[in-house]
């Protein structure tokens, strides 16, 4: 049963980010989220407009 003590050793040996780096990472996640939200929104509008124009032809 050396698995559990091994987990704590790995956690103890891990270097954790400081306060400043955590904020940088958090802001990076927000930026990526906003970027992909806009891309998905624009793609959805483009697809919806294309499908509606095809449906209006009939």
Protein backbone atom coordinates (compact mmCIF):
# COMPACT_ATOMS: atom_id res chain seq x y z
CA UNK A 1 0.00 0.00 0.00
CA UNK A 2 2.55 2.61 -1.07
CA UNK A 3 0.15 4.24 -3.48
CA UNK A 4 -1.41 6.72 -1.03
CA UNK A 5 1.93 7.95 0.42
CA UNK A 6 3.21 8.23 -3.16
CA UNK A 7 0.34 10.57 -4.01
CA UNK A 8 1.23 12.87 -1.12
CA UNK A 9 4.91 12.82 -2.10
CA UNK A 10 4.04 13.86 -5.67
CA UNK A 11 1.80 16.65 -4.38
CA UNK A 12 4.53 17.84 -2.01
CA UNK A 13 7.17 17.83 -4.77
CA UNK A 14 4.93 19.68 -7.22
CA UNK A 15 5.70 23.35 -7.77
CA UNK A 16 2.49 25.30 -7.55
CA UNK A 17 1.99 28.68 -9.26
CA UNK A 18 2.19 31.80 -7.15
CA UNK A 19 -0.64 34.30 -6.77
CA UNK A 20 0.40 36.42 -9.77
CA UNK A 21 0.68 33.41 -12.09
CA UNK A 22 -2.73 32.11 -11.01
CA UNK A 23 -4.32 35.42 -12.06
CA UNK A 24 -2.49 35.31 -15.40
CA UNK A 25 -3.76 31.78 -16.01
CA UNK A 26 -7.30 32.75 -14.99
CA UNK A 27 -7.32 35.73 -17.37
CA UNK A 28 -5.93 33.56 -20.17
CA UNK A 29 -8.81 31.12 -19.67
CA UNK A 30 -11.31 33.99 -19.81
CA UNK A 31 -9.72 35.35 -23.00
CA UNK A 32 -9.82 31.97 -24.74
CA UNK A 33 -13.41 31.44 -23.60
CA UNK A 34 -14.50 34.83 -24.96
CA UNK A 35 -12.64 34.27 -28.23
CA UNK A 36 -14.18 30.87 -28.92
CA UNK A 37 -17.62 32.08 -27.81
CA UNK A 38 -17.48 34.83 -30.44
CA UNK A 39 -16.22 32.40 -33.11
CA UNK A 40 -18.99 29.89 -32.34
CA UNK A 41 -21.61 32.67 -32.27
CA UNK A 42 -20.52 34.02 -35.67
CA UNK A 43 -20.37 30.52 -37.16
CA UNK A 44 -23.87 29.79 -35.83
CA UNK A 45 -25.22 33.03 -37.36
CA UNK A 46 -23.55 32.25 -40.68
CA UNK A 47 -24.97 28.72 -40.79
CA UNK A 48 -28.45 29.85 -39.70
CA UNK A 49 -28.52 32.59 -42.33
CA UNK A 50 -27.39 30.14 -45.01
CA UNK A 51 -29.99 27.53 -44.07
CA UNK A 52 -32.76 30.13 -43.96
CA UNK A 53 -31.80 31.49 -47.37
CA UNK A 54 -31.87 27.95 -48.80
CA UNK A 55 -35.29 27.31 -47.21
CA UNK A 56 -36.64 30.61 -48.56
CA UNK A 57 -35.75 29.54 -52.12
CA UNK A 58 -38.47 26.87 -52.00
